[in-house]
Amino acid sequence: MVINPETQIEVPWSVNTEPQRNPNLQVILLQRTYVLPWSRFIYAEGDLTEVVAAFSTHDVVVRGCGLDRLLADLAAQRVTGVRQPARTDRFTTVAEPVRIDEVNVSEARTEE
């Protein structure tokens, strides 16, 4: 857990606190890691329980609780890393007000 410097709340994603912006977002799944450049970021949308971040090549879907803070950090492009929790981690963090339960990455759909 990392403490978001603006809200002073622990969040389960990595946040860049330096004035220099990080050039990419690292998404760590259990079987694979993706590094997506912020220059390919299109938009993000969501609510308290689900956030979708769309890049030109991939869509990242994060499900959990208290994810409106993740949406704000994505909008500011401060997020440096999101990690998919192990199955055992999902059971130990049930009482956390901000948590990630699931992370999925899929290739972006192309309009034809």
PDB file of N, CA and C in Angstrom:
ATOM      1  N   MET A   1       0.834  -1.181   0.000  1.00  0.00           N
ATOM      2  CA  MET A   1       0.000   0.000   0.000  1.00  0.00           C
ATOM      3  C   MET A   1       0.877   1.243   0.000  1.00  0.00           C
ATOM      4  N   VAL A   2       0.447   2.226  -0.754  1.00  0.00           N
ATOM      5  CA  VAL A   2       1.142   3.494  -0.880  1.00  0.00           C
ATOM      6  C   VAL A   2       0.205   4.586  -0.400  1.00  0.00           C
ATOM      7  N   ILE A   3       0.724   5.598   0.234  1.00  0.00           N
ATOM      8  CA  ILE A   3      -0.117   6.718   0.653  1.00  0.00           C
ATOM      9  C   ILE A   3      -0.110   7.764  -0.450  1.00  0.00           C
ATOM     10  N   ASN A   4      -1.291   8.076  -0.956  1.00  0.00           N
ATOM     11  CA  ASN A   4      -1.434   9.107  -1.969  1.00  0.00           C
ATOM     12  C   ASN A   4      -1.133  10.444  -1.308  1.00  0.00           C
ATOM     13  N   PRO A   5      -0.177  11.214  -1.840  1.00  0.00           N
ATOM     14  CA  PRO A   5       0.230  12.452  -1.168  1.00  0.00           C
ATOM     15  C   PRO A   5      -0.858  13.517  -1.122  1.00  0.00           C
ATOM     16  N   GLU A   6      -1.781  13.505  -2.061  1.00  0.00           N
ATOM     17  CA  GLU A   6      -2.815  14.542  -2.070  1.00  0.00           C
ATOM     18  C   GLU A   6      -3.959  14.239  -1.109  1.00  0.00           C
ATOM     19  N   THR A   7      -4.360  12.967  -1.018  1.00  0.00           N
ATOM     20  CA  THR A   7      -5.491  12.618  -0.167  1.00  0.00           C
ATOM     21  C   THR A   7      -5.077  12.053   1.179  1.00  0.00           C
ATOM     22  N   GLN A   8      -3.783  11.680   1.320  1.00  0.00           N
ATOM     23  CA  GLN A   8      -3.264  11.071   2.546  1.00  0.00           C
ATOM     24  C   GLN A   8      -3.989   9.773   2.893  1.00  0.00           C
ATOM     25  N   ILE A   9      -4.471   9.065   1.866  1.00  0.00           N
ATOM     26  CA  ILE A   9      -5.156   7.792   2.046  1.00  0.00           C
ATOM     27  C   ILE A   9      -4.313   6.700   1.407  1.00  0.00           C
ATOM     28  N   GLU A  10      -4.225   5.536   2.063  1.00  0.00           N
ATOM     29  CA  GLU A  10      -3.477   4.421   1.489  1.00  0.00           C
ATOM     30  C   GLU A  10      -4.202   3.899   0.261  1.00  0.00           C
ATOM     31  N   VAL A  11      -3.452   3.702  -0.811  1.00  0.00           N
ATOM     32  CA  VAL A  11      -4.011   3.167  -2.046  1.00  0.00           C
ATOM     33  C   VAL A  11      -3.167   1.992  -2.514  1.00  0.00           C
ATOM     34  N   PRO A  12      -3.792   0.987  -3.132  1.00  0.00           N
ATOM     35  CA  PRO A  12      -3.048  -0.205  -3.547  1.00  0.00           C
ATOM     36  C   PRO A  12      -2.434  -0.112  -4.948  1.00  0.00           C
ATOM     37  N   TRP A  13      -2.132   1.072  -5.412  1.00  0.00           N
ATOM     38  CA  TRP A  13      -1.425   1.270  -6.671  1.00  0.00           C
ATOM     39  C   TRP A  13      -0.291   2.237  -6.428  1.00  0.00           C
ATOM     40  N   SER A  14       0.699   2.230  -7.308  1.00  0.00           N
ATOM     41  CA  SER A  14       1.865   3.099  -7.144  1.00  0.00           C
ATOM     42  C   SER A  14       1.570   4.463  -7.756  1.00  0.00           C
ATOM     43  N   VAL A  15       1.959   5.504  -7.014  1.00  0.00           N
ATOM     44  CA  VAL A  15       1.717   6.882  -7.446  1.00  0.00           C
ATOM     45  C   VAL A  15       3.042   7.629  -7.498  1.00  0.00           C
ATOM     46  N   ASN A  16       3.260   8.357  -8.559  1.00  0.00           N
ATOM     47  CA  ASN A  16       4.461   9.178  -8.710  1.00  0.00           C
ATOM     48  C   ASN A  16       4.268  10.474  -7.932  1.00  0.00           C
ATOM     49  N   THR A  17       5.149  10.747  -6.988  1.00  0.00           N
ATOM     50  CA  THR A  17       5.057  11.967  -6.191  1.00  0.00           C
ATOM     51  C   THR A  17       6.029  13.039  -6.666  1.00  0.00           C
ATOM     52  N   GLU A  18       6.837  12.714  -7.657  1.00  0.00           N
ATOM     53  CA  GLU A  18       7.818  13.671  -8.185  1.00  0.00           C
ATOM     54  C   GLU A  18       7.146  14.612  -9.194  1.00  0.00           C
ATOM     55  N   PRO A  19       7.678  15.830  -9.360  1.00  0.00           N
ATOM     56  CA  PRO A  19       7.095  16.742 -10.352  1.00  0.00           C
ATOM     57  C   PRO A  19       7.284  16.244 -11.789  1.00  0.00           C
ATOM     58  N   GLN A  20       8.337  15.466 -12.013  1.00  0.00           N
ATOM     59  CA  GLN A  20       8.582  14.897 -13.340  1.00  0.00           C
ATOM     60  C   GLN A  20       7.619  13.729 -13.566  1.00  0.00           C
ATOM     61  N   ARG A  21       6.837  13.780 -14.626  1.00  0.00           N
ATOM     62  CA  ARG A  21       5.854  12.737 -14.903  1.00  0.00           C
ATOM     63  C   ARG A  21       6.530  11.460 -15.387  1.00  0.00           C
ATOM     64  N   ASN A  22       6.047  10.322 -14.910  1.00  0.00           N
ATOM     65  CA  ASN A  22       6.539   9.017 -15.347  1.00  0.00           C
ATOM     66  C   ASN A  22       6.008   8.751 -16.762  1.00  0.00           C
ATOM     67  N   PRO A  23       6.821   8.216 -17.677  1.00  0.00           N
ATOM     68  CA  PRO A  23       6.384   8.055 -19.061  1.00  0.00           C
ATOM     69  C   PRO A  23       5.456   6.873 -19.324  1.00  0.00           C
ATOM     70  N   ASN A  24       5.279   5.966 -18.348  1.00  0.00           N
ATOM     71  CA  ASN A  24       4.440   4.810 -18.634  1.00  0.00           C
ATOM     72  C   ASN A  24       3.731   4.300 -17.388  1.00  0.00           C
ATOM     73  N   LEU A  25       2.789   3.409 -17.640  1.00  0.00           N
ATOM     74  CA  LEU A  25       2.037   2.724 -16.597  1.00  0.00           C
ATOM     75  C   LEU A  25       2.388   1.245 -16.676  1.00  0.00           C
ATOM     76  N   GLN A  26       2.791   0.664 -15.565  1.00  0.00           N
ATOM     77  CA  GLN A  26       3.113  -0.755 -15.521  1.00  0.00           C
ATOM     78  C   GLN A  26       1.945  -1.491 -14.873  1.00  0.00           C
ATOM     79  N   VAL A  27       1.391  -2.469 -15.599  1.00  0.00           N
ATOM     80  CA  VAL A  27       0.286  -3.279 -15.099  1.00  0.00           C
ATOM     81  C   VAL A  27       0.826  -4.689 -14.894  1.00  0.00           C
ATOM     82  N   ILE A  28       0.852  -5.121 -13.642  1.00  0.00           N
ATOM     83  CA  ILE A  28       1.441  -6.413 -13.295  1.00  0.00           C
ATOM     84  C   ILE A  28       0.320  -7.399 -12.980  1.00  0.00           C
ATOM     85  N   LEU A  29       0.154  -8.374 -13.871  1.00  0.00           N
ATOM     86  CA  LEU A  29      -0.803  -9.450 -13.658  1.00  0.00           C
ATOM     87  C   LEU A  29      -0.049 -10.652 -13.098  1.00  0.00           C
ATOM     88  N   LEU A  30      -0.771 -11.682 -12.710  1.00  0.00           N
ATOM     89  CA  LEU A  30      -0.123 -12.851 -12.131  1.00  0.00           C
ATOM     90  C   LEU A  30       0.757 -13.576 -13.144  1.00  0.00           C
ATOM     91  N   GLN A  31       0.379 -13.583 -14.407  1.00  0.00           N
ATOM     92  CA  GLN A  31       1.116 -14.325 -15.426  1.00  0.00           C
ATOM     93  C   GLN A  31       1.856 -13.450 -16.433  1.00  0.00           C
ATOM     94  N   ARG A  32       1.616 -12.135 -16.427  1.00  0.00           N
ATOM     95  CA  ARG A  32       2.186 -11.275 -17.454  1.00  0.00           C
ATOM     96  C   ARG A  32       2.246  -9.838 -16.950  1.00  0.00           C
ATOM     97  N   THR A  33       3.182  -9.065 -17.496  1.00  0.00           N
ATOM     98  CA  THR A  33       3.308  -7.645 -17.163  1.00  0.00           C
ATOM     99  C   THR A  33       3.196  -6.823 -18.439  1.00  0.00           C
ATOM    100  N   TYR A  34       2.460  -5.734 -18.357  1.00  0.00           N
ATOM    101  CA  TYR A  34       2.307  -4.808 -19.477  1.00  0.00           C
ATOM    102  C   TYR A  34       2.903  -3.469 -19.081  1.00  0.00           C
ATOM    103  N   VAL A  35       3.590  -2.821 -20.004  1.00  0.00           N
ATOM    104  CA  VAL A  35       4.072  -1.457 -19.816  1.00  0.00           C
ATOM    105  C   VAL A  35       3.421  -0.633 -20.915  1.00  0.00           C
ATOM    106  N   LEU A  36       2.518   0.252 -20.509  1.00  0.00           N
ATOM    107  CA  LEU A  36       1.740   1.043 -21.459  1.00  0.00           C
ATOM    108  C   LEU A  36       2.175   2.505 -21.374  1.00  0.00           C
ATOM    109  N   PRO A  37       2.579   3.098 -22.486  1.00  0.00           N
ATOM    110  CA  PRO A  37       3.042   4.484 -22.459  1.00  0.00           C
ATOM    111  C   PRO A  37       1.882   5.468 -22.279  1.00  0.00           C
ATOM    112  N   TRP A  38       2.089   6.459 -21.430  1.00  0.00           N
ATOM    113  CA  TRP A  38       1.067   7.482 -21.229  1.00  0.00           C
ATOM    114  C   TRP A  38       0.781   8.246 -22.518  1.00  0.00           C
ATOM    115  N   SER A  39       1.731   8.267 -23.454  1.00  0.00           N
ATOM    116  CA  SER A  39       1.490   8.955 -24.721  1.00  0.00           C
ATOM    117  C   SER A  39       0.390   8.269 -25.535  1.00  0.00           C
ATOM    118  N   ARG A  40       0.056   7.021 -25.201  1.00  0.00           N
ATOM    119  CA  ARG A  40      -1.012   6.266 -25.887  1.00  0.00           C
ATOM    120  C   ARG A  40      -2.312   6.220 -25.071  1.00  0.00           C
ATOM    121  N   PHE A  41      -2.362   6.948 -23.967  1.00  0.00           N
ATOM    122  CA  PHE A  41      -3.546   7.004 -23.104  1.00  0.00           C
ATOM    123  C   PHE A  41      -4.635   7.800 -23.806  1.00  0.00           C
ATOM    124  N   ILE A  42      -5.835   7.236 -23.851  1.00  0.00           N
ATOM    125  CA  ILE A  42      -6.956   7.904 -24.514  1.00  0.00           C
ATOM    126  C   ILE A  42      -7.926   8.497 -23.497  1.00  0.00           C
ATOM    127  N   TYR A  43      -8.435   7.654 -22.593  1.00  0.00           N
ATOM    128  CA  TYR A  43      -9.366   8.149 -21.580  1.00  0.00           C
ATOM    129  C   TYR A  43      -9.494   7.129 -20.459  1.00  0.00           C
ATOM    130  N   ALA A  44     -10.140   7.548 -19.383  1.00  0.00           N
ATOM    131  CA  ALA A  44     -10.488   6.648 -18.281  1.00  0.00           C
ATOM    132  C   ALA A  44     -11.910   6.972 -17.854  1.00  0.00           C
ATOM    133  N   GLU A  45     -12.613   5.951 -17.415  1.00  0.00           N
ATOM    134  CA  GLU A  45     -13.975   6.139 -16.922  1.00  0.00           C
ATOM    135  C   GLU A  45     -14.231   5.148 -15.808  1.00  0.00           C
ATOM    136  N   GLY A  46     -15.204   5.437 -14.968  1.00  0.00           N
ATOM    137  CA  GLY A  46     -15.522   4.479 -13.927  1.00  0.00           C
ATOM    138  C   GLY A  46     -16.268   5.078 -12.766  1.00  0.00           C
ATOM    139  N   ASP A  47     -16.303   4.297 -11.699  1.00  0.00           N
ATOM    140  CA  ASP A  47     -16.990   4.698 -10.478  1.00  0.00           C
ATOM    141  C   ASP A  47     -16.246   4.098  -9.279  1.00  0.00           C
ATOM    142  N   LEU A  48     -16.934   3.921  -8.184  1.00  0.00           N
ATOM    143  CA  LEU A  48     -16.293   3.400  -6.971  1.00  0.00           C
ATOM    144  C   LEU A  48     -15.832   1.954  -7.095  1.00  0.00           C
ATOM    145  N   THR A  49     -16.487   1.171  -7.963  1.00  0.00           N
ATOM    146  CA  THR A  49     -16.206  -0.262  -8.017  1.00  0.00           C
ATOM    147  C   THR A  49     -15.485  -0.728  -9.278  1.00  0.00           C
ATOM    148  N   GLU A  50     -15.449   0.092 -10.320  1.00  0.00           N
ATOM    149  CA  GLU A  50     -14.779  -0.319 -11.554  1.00  0.00           C
ATOM    150  C   GLU A  50     -14.229   0.894 -12.287  1.00  0.00           C
ATOM    151  N   VAL A  51     -12.998   0.757 -12.778  1.00  0.00           N
ATOM    152  CA  VAL A  51     -12.358   1.809 -13.569  1.00  0.00           C
ATOM    153  C   VAL A  51     -11.809   1.171 -14.835  1.00  0.00           C
ATOM    154  N   VAL A  52     -12.055   1.826 -15.968  1.00  0.00           N
ATOM    155  CA  VAL A  52     -11.520   1.388 -17.248  1.00  0.00           C
ATOM    156  C   VAL A  52     -10.575   2.477 -17.748  1.00  0.00           C
ATOM    157  N   ALA A  53      -9.342   2.089 -18.054  1.00  0.00           N
ATOM    158  CA  ALA A  53      -8.362   3.004 -18.651  1.00  0.00           C
ATOM    159  C   ALA A  53      -8.105   2.508 -20.071  1.00  0.00           C
ATOM    160  N   ALA A  54      -8.377   3.362 -21.046  1.00  0.00           N
ATOM    161  CA  ALA A  54      -8.225   2.977 -22.448  1.00  0.00           C
ATOM    162  C   ALA A  54      -6.949   3.575 -23.023  1.00  0.00           C
ATOM    163  N   PHE A  55      -6.150   2.714 -23.578  1.00  0.00           N
ATOM    164  CA  PHE A  55      -4.954   3.111 -24.315  1.00  0.00           C
ATOM    165  C   PHE A  55      -5.212   2.742 -25.769  1.00  0.00           C
ATOM    166  N   SER A  56      -4.405   3.231 -26.686  1.00  0.00           N
ATOM    167  CA  SER A  56      -4.658   2.953 -28.103  1.00  0.00           C
ATOM    168  C   SER A  56      -4.544   1.468 -28.437  1.00  0.00           C
ATOM    169  N   THR A  57      -3.777   0.712 -27.676  1.00  0.00           N
ATOM    170  CA  THR A  57      -3.577  -0.705 -27.973  1.00  0.00           C
ATOM    171  C   THR A  57      -4.247  -1.654 -26.986  1.00  0.00           C
ATOM    172  N   HIS A  58      -4.494  -1.208 -25.745  1.00  0.00           N
ATOM    173  CA  HIS A  58      -5.042  -2.079 -24.715  1.00  0.00           C
ATOM    174  C   HIS A  58      -6.036  -1.329 -23.825  1.00  0.00           C
ATOM    175  N   ASP A  59      -6.942  -2.086 -23.248  1.00  0.00           N
ATOM    176  CA  ASP A  59      -7.855  -1.571 -22.236  1.00  0.00           C
ATOM    177  C   ASP A  59      -7.516  -2.248 -20.913  1.00  0.00           C
ATOM    178  N   VAL A  60      -7.461  -1.450 -19.859  1.00  0.00           N
ATOM    179  CA  VAL A  60      -7.174  -1.967 -18.522  1.00  0.00           C
ATOM    180  C   VAL A  60      -8.429  -1.785 -17.684  1.00  0.00           C
ATOM    181  N   VAL A  61      -8.938  -2.878 -17.119  1.00  0.00           N
ATOM    182  CA  VAL A  61     -10.133  -2.833 -16.277  1.00  0.00           C
ATOM    183  C   VAL A  61      -9.726  -3.223 -14.865  1.00  0.00           C
ATOM    184  N   VAL A  62     -10.031  -2.350 -13.916  1.00  0.00           N
ATOM    185  CA  VAL A  62      -9.707  -2.581 -12.504  1.00  0.00           C
ATOM    186  C   VAL A  62     -11.018  -2.607 -11.739  1.00  0.00           C
ATOM    187  N   ARG A  63     -11.224  -3.662 -10.960  1.00  0.00           N
ATOM    188  CA  ARG A  63     -12.427  -3.779 -10.126  1.00  0.00           C
ATOM    189  C   ARG A  63     -12.001  -3.838  -8.663  1.00  0.00           C
ATOM    190  N   GLY A  64     -12.834  -3.256  -7.811  1.00  0.00           N
ATOM    191  CA  GLY A  64     -12.513  -3.249  -6.389  1.00  0.00           C
ATOM    192  C   GLY A  64     -13.442  -2.334  -5.626  1.00  0.00           C
ATOM    193  N   CYS A  65     -12.874  -1.529  -4.741  1.00  0.00           N
ATOM    194  CA  CYS A  65     -13.646  -0.653  -3.871  1.00  0.00           C
ATOM    195  C   CYS A  65     -12.889   0.665  -3.697  1.00  0.00           C
ATOM    196  N   GLY A  66     -13.587   1.786  -3.695  1.00  0.00           N
ATOM    197  CA  GLY A  66     -12.951   3.083  -3.518  1.00  0.00           C
ATOM    198  C   GLY A  66     -12.096   3.508  -4.702  1.00  0.00           C
ATOM    199  N   LEU A  67     -12.454   3.068  -5.899  1.00  0.00           N
ATOM    200  CA  LEU A  67     -11.615   3.303  -7.069  1.00  0.00           C
ATOM    201  C   LEU A  67     -11.790   4.680  -7.694  1.00  0.00           C
ATOM    202  N   ASP A  68     -12.638   5.523  -7.118  1.00  0.00           N
ATOM    203  CA  ASP A  68     -12.731   6.897  -7.610  1.00  0.00           C
ATOM    204  C   ASP A  68     -11.391   7.611  -7.437  1.00  0.00           C
ATOM    205  N   ARG A  69     -10.622   7.229  -6.441  1.00  0.00           N
ATOM    206  CA  ARG A  69      -9.286   7.806  -6.244  1.00  0.00           C
ATOM    207  C   ARG A  69      -8.333   7.369  -7.357  1.00  0.00           C
ATOM    208  N   LEU A  70      -8.465   6.103  -7.807  1.00  0.00           N
ATOM    209  CA  LEU A  70      -7.663   5.625  -8.934  1.00  0.00           C
ATOM    210  C   LEU A  70      -8.012   6.412 -10.188  1.00  0.00           C
ATOM    211  N   LEU A  71      -9.273   6.683 -10.395  1.00  0.00           N
ATOM    212  CA  LEU A  71      -9.704   7.454 -11.563  1.00  0.00           C
ATOM    213  C   LEU A  71      -9.082   8.844 -11.546  1.00  0.00           C
ATOM    214  N   ALA A  72      -9.035   9.473 -10.391  1.00  0.00           N
ATOM    215  CA  ALA A  72      -8.419  10.803 -10.279  1.00  0.00           C
ATOM    216  C   ALA A  72      -6.916  10.733 -10.554  1.00  0.00           C
ATOM    217  N   ASP A  73      -6.255   9.700 -10.056  1.00  0.00           N
ATOM    218  CA  ASP A  73      -4.814   9.556 -10.305  1.00  0.00           C
ATOM    219  C   ASP A  73      -4.529   9.236 -11.772  1.00  0.00           C
ATOM    220  N   LEU A  74      -5.400   8.465 -12.416  1.00  0.00           N
ATOM    221  CA  LEU A  74      -5.237   8.197 -13.845  1.00  0.00           C
ATOM    222  C   LEU A  74      -5.421   9.475 -14.656  1.00  0.00           C
ATOM    223  N   ALA A  75      -6.392  10.284 -14.279  1.00  0.00           N
ATOM    224  CA  ALA A  75      -6.643  11.538 -14.997  1.00  0.00           C
ATOM    225  C   ALA A  75      -5.429  12.458 -14.932  1.00  0.00           C
ATOM    226  N   ALA A  76      -4.725  12.437 -13.818  1.00  0.00           N
ATOM    227  CA  ALA A  76      -3.519  13.259 -13.654  1.00  0.00           C
ATOM    228  C   ALA A  76      -2.267  12.547 -14.163  1.00  0.00           C
ATOM    229  N   GLN A  77      -2.421  11.306 -14.627  1.00  0.00           N
ATOM    230  CA  GLN A  77      -1.319  10.481 -15.121  1.00  0.00           C
ATOM    231  C   GLN A  77      -0.204  10.338 -14.081  1.00  0.00           C
ATOM    232  N   ARG A  78      -0.617  10.159 -12.812  1.00  0.00           N
ATOM    233  CA  ARG A  78       0.318   9.961 -11.704  1.00  0.00           C
ATOM    234  C   ARG A  78       0.553   8.492 -11.386  1.00  0.00           C
ATOM    235  N   VAL A  79      -0.280   7.603 -11.924  1.00  0.00           N
ATOM    236  CA  VAL A  79      -0.169   6.184 -11.593  1.00  0.00           C
ATOM    237  C   VAL A  79       1.031   5.592 -12.325  1.00  0.00           C
ATOM    238  N   THR A  80       1.905   4.942 -11.583  1.00  0.00           N
ATOM    239  CA  THR A  80       3.064   4.304 -12.202  1.00  0.00           C
ATOM    240  C   THR A  80       2.912   2.791 -12.252  1.00  0.00           C
ATOM    241  N   GLY A  81       2.064   2.224 -11.392  1.00  0.00           N
ATOM    242  CA  GLY A  81       1.898   0.781 -11.392  1.00  0.00           C
ATOM    243  C   GLY A  81       0.605   0.334 -10.749  1.00  0.00           C
ATOM    244  N   VAL A  82       0.019  -0.716 -11.337  1.00  0.00           N
ATOM    245  CA  VAL A  82      -1.168  -1.373 -10.793  1.00  0.00           C
ATOM    246  C   VAL A  82      -0.852  -2.861 -10.772  1.00  0.00           C
ATOM    247  N   ARG A  83      -1.106  -3.498  -9.648  1.00  0.00           N
ATOM    248  CA  ARG A  83      -0.772  -4.920  -9.496  1.00  0.00           C
ATOM    249  C   ARG A  83      -2.043  -5.716  -9.223  1.00  0.00           C
ATOM    250  N   GLN A  84      -2.207  -6.804  -9.974  1.00  0.00           N
ATOM    251  CA  GLN A  84      -3.303  -7.722  -9.726  1.00  0.00           C
ATOM    252  C   GLN A  84      -3.028  -8.459  -8.422  1.00  0.00           C
ATOM    253  N   PRO A  85      -3.979  -8.471  -7.491  1.00  0.00           N
ATOM    254  CA  PRO A  85      -3.728  -9.159  -6.226  1.00  0.00           C
ATOM    255  C   PRO A  85      -3.777 -10.674  -6.402  1.00  0.00           C
ATOM    256  N   ALA A  86      -2.979 -11.356  -5.619  1.00  0.00           N
ATOM    257  CA  ALA A  86      -3.064 -12.816  -5.575  1.00  0.00           C
ATOM    258  C   ALA A  86      -4.383 -13.201  -4.924  1.00  0.00           C
ATOM    259  N   ARG A  87      -4.826 -14.396  -5.180  1.00  0.00           N
ATOM    260  CA  ARG A  87      -6.110 -14.856  -4.634  1.00  0.00           C
ATOM    261  C   ARG A  87      -6.142 -14.731  -3.117  1.00  0.00           C
ATOM    262  N   THR A  88      -5.059 -15.059  -2.450  1.00  0.00           N
ATOM    263  CA  THR A  88      -5.023 -14.964  -0.988  1.00  0.00           C
ATOM    264  C   THR A  88      -5.091 -13.518  -0.512  1.00  0.00           C
ATOM    265  N   ASP A  89      -4.533 -12.576  -1.277  1.00  0.00           N
ATOM    266  CA  ASP A  89      -4.575 -11.164  -0.900  1.00  0.00           C
ATOM    267  C   ASP A  89      -5.997 -10.622  -0.908  1.00  0.00           C
ATOM    268  N   ARG A  90      -6.827 -11.132  -1.794  1.00  0.00           N
ATOM    269  CA  ARG A  90      -8.205 -10.647  -1.880  1.00  0.00           C
ATOM    270  C   ARG A  90      -8.997 -10.975  -0.627  1.00  0.00           C
ATOM    271  N   PHE A  91      -8.630 -12.045   0.068  1.00  0.00           N
ATOM    272  CA  PHE A  91      -9.344 -12.416   1.276  1.00  0.00           C
ATOM    273  C   PHE A  91      -8.835 -11.672   2.503  1.00  0.00           C
ATOM    274  N   THR A  92      -7.593 -11.232   2.485  1.00  0.00           N
ATOM    275  CA  THR A  92      -7.021 -10.567   3.661  1.00  0.00           C
ATOM    276  C   THR A  92      -7.303  -9.069   3.686  1.00  0.00           C
ATOM    277  N   THR A  93      -7.709  -8.466   2.559  1.00  0.00           N
ATOM    278  CA  THR A  93      -7.921  -7.019   2.521  1.00  0.00           C
ATOM    279  C   THR A  93      -9.396  -6.653   2.404  1.00  0.00           C
ATOM    280  N   VAL A  94     -10.272  -7.513   2.866  1.00  0.00           N
ATOM    281  CA  VAL A  94     -11.709  -7.285   2.722  1.00  0.00           C
ATOM    282  C   VAL A  94     -12.152  -6.009   3.418  1.00  0.00           C
ATOM    283  N   ALA A  95     -11.561  -5.668   4.555  1.00  0.00           N
ATOM    284  CA  ALA A  95     -11.991  -4.506   5.324  1.00  0.00           C
ATOM    285  C   ALA A  95     -11.398  -3.188   4.818  1.00  0.00           C
ATOM    286  N   GLU A  96     -10.525  -3.236   3.826  1.00  0.00           N
ATOM    287  CA  GLU A  96      -9.890  -2.018   3.317  1.00  0.00           C
ATOM    288  C   GLU A  96     -10.905  -1.162   2.560  1.00  0.00           C
ATOM    289  N   PRO A  97     -10.970   0.154   2.834  1.00  0.00           N
ATOM    290  CA  PRO A  97     -11.914   1.025   2.114  1.00  0.00           C
ATOM    291  C   PRO A  97     -11.518   1.254   0.660  1.00  0.00           C
ATOM    292  N   VAL A  98     -10.216   1.141   0.354  1.00  0.00           N
ATOM    293  CA  VAL A  98      -9.727   1.269  -1.015  1.00  0.00           C
ATOM    294  C   VAL A  98      -8.952  -0.005  -1.318  1.00  0.00           C
ATOM    295  N   ARG A  99      -9.427  -0.770  -2.295  1.00  0.00           N
ATOM    296  CA  ARG A  99      -8.747  -2.016  -2.613  1.00  0.00           C
ATOM    297  C   ARG A  99      -8.972  -2.393  -4.078  1.00  0.00           C
ATOM    298  N   ILE A 100      -8.066  -3.222  -4.574  1.00  0.00           N
ATOM    299  CA  ILE A 100      -8.185  -3.785  -5.914  1.00  0.00           C
ATOM    300  C   ILE A 100      -8.473  -5.268  -5.751  1.00  0.00           C
ATOM    301  N   ASP A 101      -9.562  -5.725  -6.356  1.00  0.00           N
ATOM    302  CA  ASP A 101      -9.920  -7.136  -6.314  1.00  0.00           C
ATOM    303  C   ASP A 101      -9.489  -7.860  -7.581  1.00  0.00           C
ATOM    304  N   GLU A 102      -9.511  -7.147  -8.710  1.00  0.00           N
ATOM    305  CA  GLU A 102      -9.260  -7.796  -9.996  1.00  0.00           C
ATOM    306  C   GLU A 102      -8.709  -6.782 -10.992  1.00  0.00           C
ATOM    307  N   VAL A 103      -7.759  -7.219 -11.811  1.00  0.00           N
ATOM    308  CA  VAL A 103      -7.204  -6.391 -12.885  1.00  0.00           C
ATOM    309  C   VAL A 103      -7.188  -7.236 -14.153  1.00  0.00           C
ATOM    310  N   ASN A 104      -7.744  -6.687 -15.231  1.00  0.00           N
ATOM    311  CA  ASN A 104      -7.747  -7.372 -16.518  1.00  0.00           C
ATOM    312  C   ASN A 104      -7.207  -6.437 -17.591  1.00  0.00           C
ATOM    313  N   VAL A 105      -6.431  -6.990 -18.500  1.00  0.00           N
ATOM    314  CA  VAL A 105      -5.917  -6.240 -19.644  1.00  0.00           C
ATOM    315  C   VAL A 105      -6.341  -6.975 -20.896  1.00  0.00           C
ATOM    316  N   SER A 106      -6.906  -6.242 -21.852  1.00  0.00           N
ATOM    317  CA  SER A 106      -7.313  -6.845 -23.117  1.00  0.00           C
ATOM    318  C   SER A 106      -6.887  -5.933 -24.260  1.00  0.00           C
ATOM    319  N   GLU A 107      -6.731  -6.528 -25.424  1.00  0.00           N
ATOM    320  CA  GLU A 107      -6.399  -5.709 -26.593  1.00  0.00           C
ATOM    321  C   GLU A 107      -7.566  -4.802 -26.903  1.00  0.00           C
ATOM    322  N   ALA A 108      -7.279  -3.586 -27.295  1.00  0.00           N
ATOM    323  CA  ALA A 108      -8.321  -2.626 -27.615  1.00  0.00           C
ATOM    324  C   ALA A 108      -9.089  -3.097 -28.843  1.00  0.00           C
ATOM    325  N   ARG A 109     -10.369  -2.889 -28.807  1.00  0.00           N
ATOM    326  CA  ARG A 109     -11.199  -3.265 -29.950  1.00  0.00           C
ATOM    327  C   ARG A 109     -11.035  -2.229 -31.042  1.00  0.00           C
ATOM    328  N   THR A 110     -10.938  -2.684 -32.253  1.00  0.00           N
ATOM    329  CA  THR A 110     -10.824  -1.771 -33.383  1.00  0.00           C
ATOM    330  C   THR A 110     -12.160  -1.661 -34.078  1.00  0.00           C
ATOM    331  N   GLU A 111     -12.521  -0.464 -34.438  1.00  0.00           N
ATOM    332  CA  GLU A 111     -13.771  -0.215 -35.162  1.00  0.00           C
ATOM    333  C   GLU A 111     -13.563  -0.557 -36.628  1.00  0.00           C
ATOM    334  N   GLU A 112     -14.436  -1.368 -37.171  1.00  0.00           N
ATOM    335  CA  GLU A 112     -14.329  -1.719 -38.590  1.00  0.00           C
ATOM    336  C   GLU A 112     -15.564  -1.344 -39.335  1.00  0.00           C
TER     337      GLU A 112
END
